[in-house]
PDB file of all heavy atoms in Angstrom:
ATOM      1  N   LEU A   1     -49.543-135.931  54.971  1.00  0.00           N
ATOM      2  CA  LEU A   1     -48.748-136.188  53.726  1.00  0.00           C
ATOM      3  C   LEU A   1     -48.411-137.633  53.602  1.00  0.00           C
ATOM      4  O   LEU A   1     -48.481-138.176  52.474  1.00  0.00           O
ATOM      5  CB  LEU A   1     -47.532-135.274  53.701  1.00  0.00           C
ATOM      6  CG  LEU A   1     -47.806-133.790  53.532  1.00  0.00           C
ATOM      7  CD1 LEU A   1     -46.529-132.981  53.716  1.00  0.00           C
ATOM      8  CD2 LEU A   1     -48.440-133.500  52.162  1.00  0.00           C
ATOM      9  N   GLU A   2     -47.990-138.256  54.667  1.00  0.00           N
ATOM     10  CA  GLU A   2     -47.606-139.681  54.635  1.00  0.00           C
ATOM     11  C   GLU A   2     -48.854-140.538  54.291  1.00  0.00           C
ATOM     12  O   GLU A   2     -48.706-141.457  53.404  1.00  0.00           O
ATOM     13  CB  GLU A   2     -47.099-140.112  55.975  1.00  0.00           C
ATOM     14  CG  GLU A   2     -46.648-141.570  56.029  1.00  0.00           C
ATOM     15  CD  GLU A   2     -46.093-141.926  57.422  1.00  0.00           C
ATOM     16  OE1 GLU A   2     -45.794-141.067  58.217  1.00  0.00           O
ATOM     17  OE2 GLU A   2     -45.976-143.164  57.664  1.00  0.00           O
ATOM     18  N   MET A   3     -49.949-140.188  54.834  1.00  0.00           N
ATOM     19  CA  MET A   3     -51.194-140.980  54.577  1.00  0.00           C
ATOM     20  C   MET A   3     -51.585-140.783  53.094  1.00  0.00           C
ATOM     21  O   MET A   3     -51.997-141.756  52.408  1.00  0.00           O
ATOM     22  CB  MET A   3     -52.337-140.475  55.470  1.00  0.00           C
ATOM     23  CG  MET A   3     -53.630-141.200  55.260  1.00  0.00           C
ATOM     24  SD  MET A   3     -53.509-142.935  55.707  1.00  0.00           S
ATOM     25  CE  MET A   3     -55.072-143.540  55.049  1.00  0.00           C
ATOM     26  N   ARG A   4     -51.491-139.567  52.510  1.00  0.00           N
ATOM     27  CA  ARG A   4     -51.823-139.318  51.145  1.00  0.00           C
ATOM     28  C   ARG A   4     -50.868-140.066  50.216  1.00  0.00           C
ATOM     29  O   ARG A   4     -51.276-140.604  49.192  1.00  0.00           O
ATOM     30  CB  ARG A   4     -51.826-137.821  50.836  1.00  0.00           C
ATOM     31  CG  ARG A   4     -52.335-137.508  49.423  1.00  0.00           C
ATOM     32  CD  ARG A   4     -53.753-137.967  49.186  1.00  0.00           C
ATOM     33  NE  ARG A   4     -54.230-137.799  47.853  1.00  0.00           N
ATOM     34  CZ  ARG A   4     -54.330-138.779  46.956  1.00  0.00           C
ATOM     35  NH1 ARG A   4     -54.086-140.013  47.272  1.00  0.00           N
ATOM     36  NH2 ARG A   4     -54.813-138.515  45.760  1.00  0.00           N
ATOM     37  N   ASP A   5     -49.550-140.130  50.557  1.00  0.00           N
ATOM     38  CA  ASP A   5     -48.601-140.858  49.754  1.00  0.00           C
ATOM     39  C   ASP A   5     -48.902-142.323  49.756  1.00  0.00           C
ATOM     40  O   ASP A   5     -48.801-142.957  48.713  1.00  0.00           O
ATOM     41  CB  ASP A   5     -47.189-140.535  50.319  1.00  0.00           C
ATOM     42  CG  ASP A   5     -46.634-139.186  49.972  1.00  0.00           C
ATOM     43  OD1 ASP A   5     -47.209-138.520  49.070  1.00  0.00           O
ATOM     44  OD2 ASP A   5     -45.659-138.771  50.621  1.00  0.00           O
ATOM     45  N   LEU A   6     -49.272-142.828  50.863  1.00  0.00           N
ATOM     46  CA  LEU A   6     -49.690-144.258  50.986  1.00  0.00           C
ATOM     47  C   LEU A   6     -50.877-144.577  50.125  1.00  0.00           C
ATOM     48  O   LEU A   6     -50.908-145.533  49.379  1.00  0.00           O
ATOM     49  CB  LEU A   6     -49.928-144.634  52.492  1.00  0.00           C
ATOM     50  CG  LEU A   6     -50.307-146.040  52.720  1.00  0.00           C
ATOM     51  CD1 LEU A   6     -49.213-147.018  52.287  1.00  0.00           C
ATOM     52  CD2 LEU A   6     -50.677-146.263  54.209  1.00  0.00           C
ATOM     53  N   MET A   7     -51.889-143.651  50.171  1.00  0.00           N
ATOM     54  CA  MET A   7     -53.070-143.870  49.277  1.00  0.00           C
ATOM     55  C   MET A   7     -52.657-143.836  47.849  1.00  0.00           C
ATOM     56  O   MET A   7     -53.221-144.654  47.055  1.00  0.00           O
ATOM     57  CB  MET A   7     -54.114-142.808  49.639  1.00  0.00           C
ATOM     58  CG  MET A   7     -54.877-142.979  50.883  1.00  0.00           C
ATOM     59  SD  MET A   7     -56.240-141.761  50.992  1.00  0.00           S
ATOM     60  CE  MET A   7     -57.302-142.337  49.690  1.00  0.00           C
ATOM     61  N   GLU A   8     -51.822-142.958  47.461  1.00  0.00           N
ATOM     62  CA  GLU A   8     -51.411-142.852  46.052  1.00  0.00           C
ATOM     63  C   GLU A   8     -50.645-144.107  45.616  1.00  0.00           C
ATOM     64  O   GLU A   8     -50.865-144.536  44.507  1.00  0.00           O
ATOM     65  CB  GLU A   8     -50.419-141.624  45.887  1.00  0.00           C
ATOM     66  CG  GLU A   8     -49.842-141.475  44.522  1.00  0.00           C
ATOM     67  CD  GLU A   8     -50.860-141.125  43.496  1.00  0.00           C
ATOM     68  OE1 GLU A   8     -51.951-140.584  43.770  1.00  0.00           O
ATOM     69  OE2 GLU A   8     -50.564-141.438  42.302  1.00  0.00           O
ATOM     70  N   GLN A   9     -49.863-144.708  46.486  1.00  0.00           N
ATOM     71  CA  GLN A   9     -49.233-145.928  46.162  1.00  0.00           C
ATOM     72  C   GLN A   9     -50.183-147.089  46.046  1.00  0.00           C
ATOM     73  O   GLN A   9     -50.068-147.971  45.126  1.00  0.00           O
ATOM     74  CB  GLN A   9     -48.158-146.303  47.214  1.00  0.00           C
ATOM     75  CG  GLN A   9     -46.981-145.337  47.238  1.00  0.00           C
ATOM     76  CD  GLN A   9     -46.094-145.541  48.447  1.00  0.00           C
ATOM     77  OE1 GLN A   9     -46.049-146.642  48.993  1.00  0.00           O
ATOM     78  NE2 GLN A   9     -45.378-144.522  48.847  1.00  0.00           N
ATOM     79  N   GLU A  10     -51.140-147.177  46.984  1.00  0.00           N
ATOM     80  CA  GLU A  10     -52.011-148.338  47.019  1.00  0.00           C
ATOM     81  C   GLU A  10     -53.211-148.204  46.078  1.00  0.00           C
ATOM     82  O   GLU A  10     -53.723-149.196  45.542  1.00  0.00           O
ATOM     83  CB  GLU A  10     -52.564-148.592  48.438  1.00  0.00           C
ATOM     84  CG  GLU A  10     -51.468-149.029  49.370  1.00  0.00           C
ATOM     85  CD  GLU A  10     -51.919-149.323  50.726  1.00  0.00           C
ATOM     86  OE1 GLU A  10     -53.137-149.096  51.058  1.00  0.00           O
ATOM     87  OE2 GLU A  10     -51.116-149.801  51.602  1.00  0.00           O
ATOM     88  N   ARG A  11     -53.691-146.957  45.843  1.00  0.00           N
ATOM     89  CA  ARG A  11     -54.835-146.713  45.009  1.00  0.00           C
ATOM     90  C   ARG A  11     -54.571-145.467  44.123  1.00  0.00           C
ATOM     91  O   ARG A  11     -55.167-144.423  44.330  1.00  0.00           O
ATOM     92  CB  ARG A  11     -56.098-146.507  45.838  1.00  0.00           C
ATOM     93  CG  ARG A  11     -56.475-147.730  46.627  1.00  0.00           C
ATOM     94  CD  ARG A  11     -57.769-147.480  47.436  1.00  0.00           C
ATOM     95  NE  ARG A  11     -58.885-147.138  46.635  1.00  0.00           N
ATOM     96  CZ  ARG A  11     -59.957-146.347  47.065  1.00  0.00           C
ATOM     97  NH1 ARG A  11     -60.025-145.916  48.243  1.00  0.00           N
ATOM     98  NH2 ARG A  11     -60.917-146.084  46.218  1.00  0.00           N
ATOM     99  N   PRO A  12     -53.749-145.630  43.144  1.00  0.00           N
ATOM    100  CA  PRO A  12     -53.401-144.435  42.275  1.00  0.00           C
ATOM    101  C   PRO A  12     -54.684-144.011  41.436  1.00  0.00           C
ATOM    102  O   PRO A  12     -55.496-144.906  41.128  1.00  0.00           O
ATOM    103  CB  PRO A  12     -52.283-144.963  41.409  1.00  0.00           C
ATOM    104  CG  PRO A  12     -52.350-146.400  41.398  1.00  0.00           C
ATOM    105  CD  PRO A  12     -52.988-146.785  42.713  1.00  0.00           C
ATOM    106  N   GLY A  13     -54.753-142.819  41.085  1.00  0.00           N
ATOM    107  CA  GLY A  13     -55.766-142.355  40.222  1.00  0.00           C
ATOM    108  C   GLY A  13     -55.787-143.049  38.822  1.00  0.00           C
ATOM    109  O   GLY A  13     -54.701-143.443  38.369  1.00  0.00           O
ATOM    110  N   GLN A  14     -56.943-143.159  38.248  1.00  0.00           N
ATOM    111  CA  GLN A  14     -57.036-143.870  36.980  1.00  0.00           C
ATOM    112  C   GLN A  14     -57.439-142.894  35.809  1.00  0.00           C
ATOM    113  O   GLN A  14     -58.321-143.177  35.072  1.00  0.00           O
ATOM    114  CB  GLN A  14     -58.082-144.973  37.099  1.00  0.00           C
ATOM    115  CG  GLN A  14     -57.808-145.999  38.118  1.00  0.00           C
ATOM    116  CD  GLN A  14     -56.509-146.726  37.892  1.00  0.00           C
ATOM    117  OE1 GLN A  14     -56.226-147.214  36.787  1.00  0.00           O
ATOM    118  NE2 GLN A  14     -55.676-146.882  38.923  1.00  0.00           N
ATOM    119  N   GLY A  15     -56.699-141.827  35.718  1.00  0.00           N
ATOM    120  CA  GLY A  15     -56.953-140.904  34.630  1.00  0.00           C
ATOM    121  C   GLY A  15     -57.692-139.688  34.987  1.00  0.00           C
ATOM    122  O   GLY A  15     -58.183-139.559  36.130  1.00  0.00           O
ATOM    123  N   VAL A  16     -57.871-138.785  34.062  1.00  0.00           N
ATOM    124  CA  VAL A  16     -58.433-137.476  34.290  1.00  0.00           C
ATOM    125  C   VAL A  16     -59.827-137.510  34.834  1.00  0.00           C
ATOM    126  O   VAL A  16     -60.266-136.648  35.603  1.00  0.00           O
ATOM    127  CB  VAL A  16     -58.317-136.556  33.058  1.00  0.00           C
ATOM    128  CG1 VAL A  16     -59.262-137.096  31.953  1.00  0.00           C
ATOM    129  CG2 VAL A  16     -58.604-135.142  33.339  1.00  0.00           C
ATOM    130  N   TRP A  17     -60.615-138.514  34.451  1.00  0.00           N
ATOM    131  CA  TRP A  17     -62.011-138.615  34.892  1.00  0.00           C
ATOM    132  C   TRP A  17     -62.191-139.415  36.196  1.00  0.00           C
ATOM    133  O   TRP A  17     -63.310-139.549  36.659  1.00  0.00           O
ATOM    134  CB  TRP A  17     -62.899-139.243  33.787  1.00  0.00           C
ATOM    135  CG  TRP A  17     -62.935-138.305  32.624  1.00  0.00           C
ATOM    136  CD1 TRP A  17     -62.311-138.412  31.393  1.00  0.00           C
ATOM    137  CD2 TRP A  17     -63.692-137.089  32.608  1.00  0.00           C
ATOM    138  NE1 TRP A  17     -62.624-137.360  30.646  1.00  0.00           N
ATOM    139  CE2 TRP A  17     -63.425-136.460  31.310  1.00  0.00           C
ATOM    140  CE3 TRP A  17     -64.498-136.372  33.521  1.00  0.00           C
ATOM    141  CZ2 TRP A  17     -63.997-135.232  30.914  1.00  0.00           C
ATOM    142  CZ3 TRP A  17     -65.067-135.191  33.098  1.00  0.00           C
ATOM    143  CH2 TRP A  17     -64.804-134.645  31.849  1.00  0.00           C
ATOM    144  N   ASP A  18     -61.081-139.771  36.848  1.00  0.00           N
ATOM    145  CA  ASP A  18     -61.129-140.368  38.155  1.00  0.00           C
ATOM    146  C   ASP A  18     -61.107-139.132  39.089  1.00  0.00           C
ATOM    147  O   ASP A  18     -60.060-138.615  39.458  1.00  0.00           O
ATOM    148  CB  ASP A  18     -59.947-141.233  38.480  1.00  0.00           C
ATOM    149  CG  ASP A  18     -59.983-141.854  39.824  1.00  0.00           C
ATOM    150  OD1 ASP A  18     -60.750-141.447  40.706  1.00  0.00           O
ATOM    151  OD2 ASP A  18     -59.216-142.818  40.071  1.00  0.00           O
ATOM    152  N   LEU A  19     -62.238-138.590  39.390  1.00  0.00           N
ATOM    153  CA  LEU A  19     -62.373-137.345  40.092  1.00  0.00           C
ATOM    154  C   LEU A  19     -62.056-137.450  41.559  1.00  0.00           C
ATOM    155  O   LEU A  19     -61.915-136.493  42.253  1.00  0.00           O
ATOM    156  CB  LEU A  19     -63.797-136.765  39.943  1.00  0.00           C
ATOM    157  CG  LEU A  19     -64.157-136.487  38.471  1.00  0.00           C
ATOM    158  CD1 LEU A  19     -65.594-136.082  38.340  1.00  0.00           C
ATOM    159  CD2 LEU A  19     -63.227-135.447  37.835  1.00  0.00           C
ATOM    160  N   LYS A  20     -61.959-138.670  42.034  1.00  0.00           N
ATOM    161  CA  LYS A  20     -61.663-138.875  43.440  1.00  0.00           C
ATOM    162  C   LYS A  20     -60.167-138.986  43.729  1.00  0.00           C
ATOM    163  O   LYS A  20     -59.662-138.273  44.605  1.00  0.00           O
ATOM    164  CB  LYS A  20     -62.366-140.167  43.971  1.00  0.00           C
ATOM    165  CG  LYS A  20     -62.189-140.441  45.388  1.00  0.00           C
ATOM    166  CD  LYS A  20     -63.010-141.653  45.842  1.00  0.00           C
ATOM    167  CE  LYS A  20     -62.838-141.917  47.255  1.00  0.00           C
ATOM    168  NZ  LYS A  20     -63.624-143.110  47.739  1.00  0.00           N
ATOM    169  N   LEU A  21     -59.472-139.802  43.001  1.00  0.00           N
ATOM    170  CA  LEU A  21     -58.102-140.148  43.417  1.00  0.00           C
ATOM    171  C   LEU A  21     -57.000-139.483  42.656  1.00  0.00           C
ATOM    172  O   LEU A  21     -55.826-139.522  43.070  1.00  0.00           O
ATOM    173  CB  LEU A  21     -57.904-141.687  43.275  1.00  0.00           C
ATOM    174  CG  LEU A  21     -58.811-142.528  44.246  1.00  0.00           C
ATOM    175  CD1 LEU A  21     -58.692-144.019  43.973  1.00  0.00           C
ATOM    176  CD2 LEU A  21     -58.366-142.238  45.710  1.00  0.00           C
ATOM    177  N   THR A  22     -57.261-138.905  41.473  1.00  0.00           N
ATOM    178  CA  THR A  22     -56.177-138.290  40.726  1.00  0.00           C
ATOM    179  C   THR A  22     -55.710-137.096  41.486  1.00  0.00           C
ATOM    180  O   THR A  22     -56.473-136.431  42.239  1.00  0.00           O
ATOM    181  CB  THR A  22     -56.659-137.852  39.344  1.00  0.00           C
ATOM    182  OG1 THR A  22     -57.799-137.076  39.433  1.00  0.00           O
ATOM    183  CG2 THR A  22     -56.856-139.043  38.396  1.00  0.00           C
ATOM    184  N   PRO A  23     -54.424-136.632  41.262  1.00  0.00           N
ATOM    185  CA  PRO A  23     -53.949-135.434  41.881  1.00  0.00           C
ATOM    186  C   PRO A  23     -54.828-134.235  41.641  1.00  0.00           C
ATOM    187  O   PRO A  23     -55.272-133.997  40.525  1.00  0.00           O
ATOM    188  CB  PRO A  23     -52.548-135.192  41.246  1.00  0.00           C
ATOM    189  CG  PRO A  23     -52.112-136.594  40.906  1.00  0.00           C
ATOM    190  CD  PRO A  23     -53.407-137.315  40.443  1.00  0.00           C
ATOM    191  N   GLY A  24     -55.158-133.518  42.716  1.00  0.00           N
ATOM    192  CA  GLY A  24     -56.091-132.396  42.663  1.00  0.00           C
ATOM    193  C   GLY A  24     -57.573-132.828  42.722  1.00  0.00           C
ATOM    194  O   GLY A  24     -58.457-131.979  42.630  1.00  0.00           O
ATOM    195  N   GLY A  25     -57.767-134.103  42.906  1.00  0.00           N
ATOM    196  CA  GLY A  25     -59.175-134.592  43.006  1.00  0.00           C
ATOM    197  C   GLY A  25     -59.780-134.457  44.376  1.00  0.00           C
ATOM    198  O   GLY A  25     -59.239-133.782  45.265  1.00  0.00           O
TER     199      GLY A  25
END
């Protein structure tokens, strides 16, 4: 969870079509 939070801070998803980084991606 800590690693995922860090990724979210450093590389947040860029909208619904960012299939890699958006929540649920």
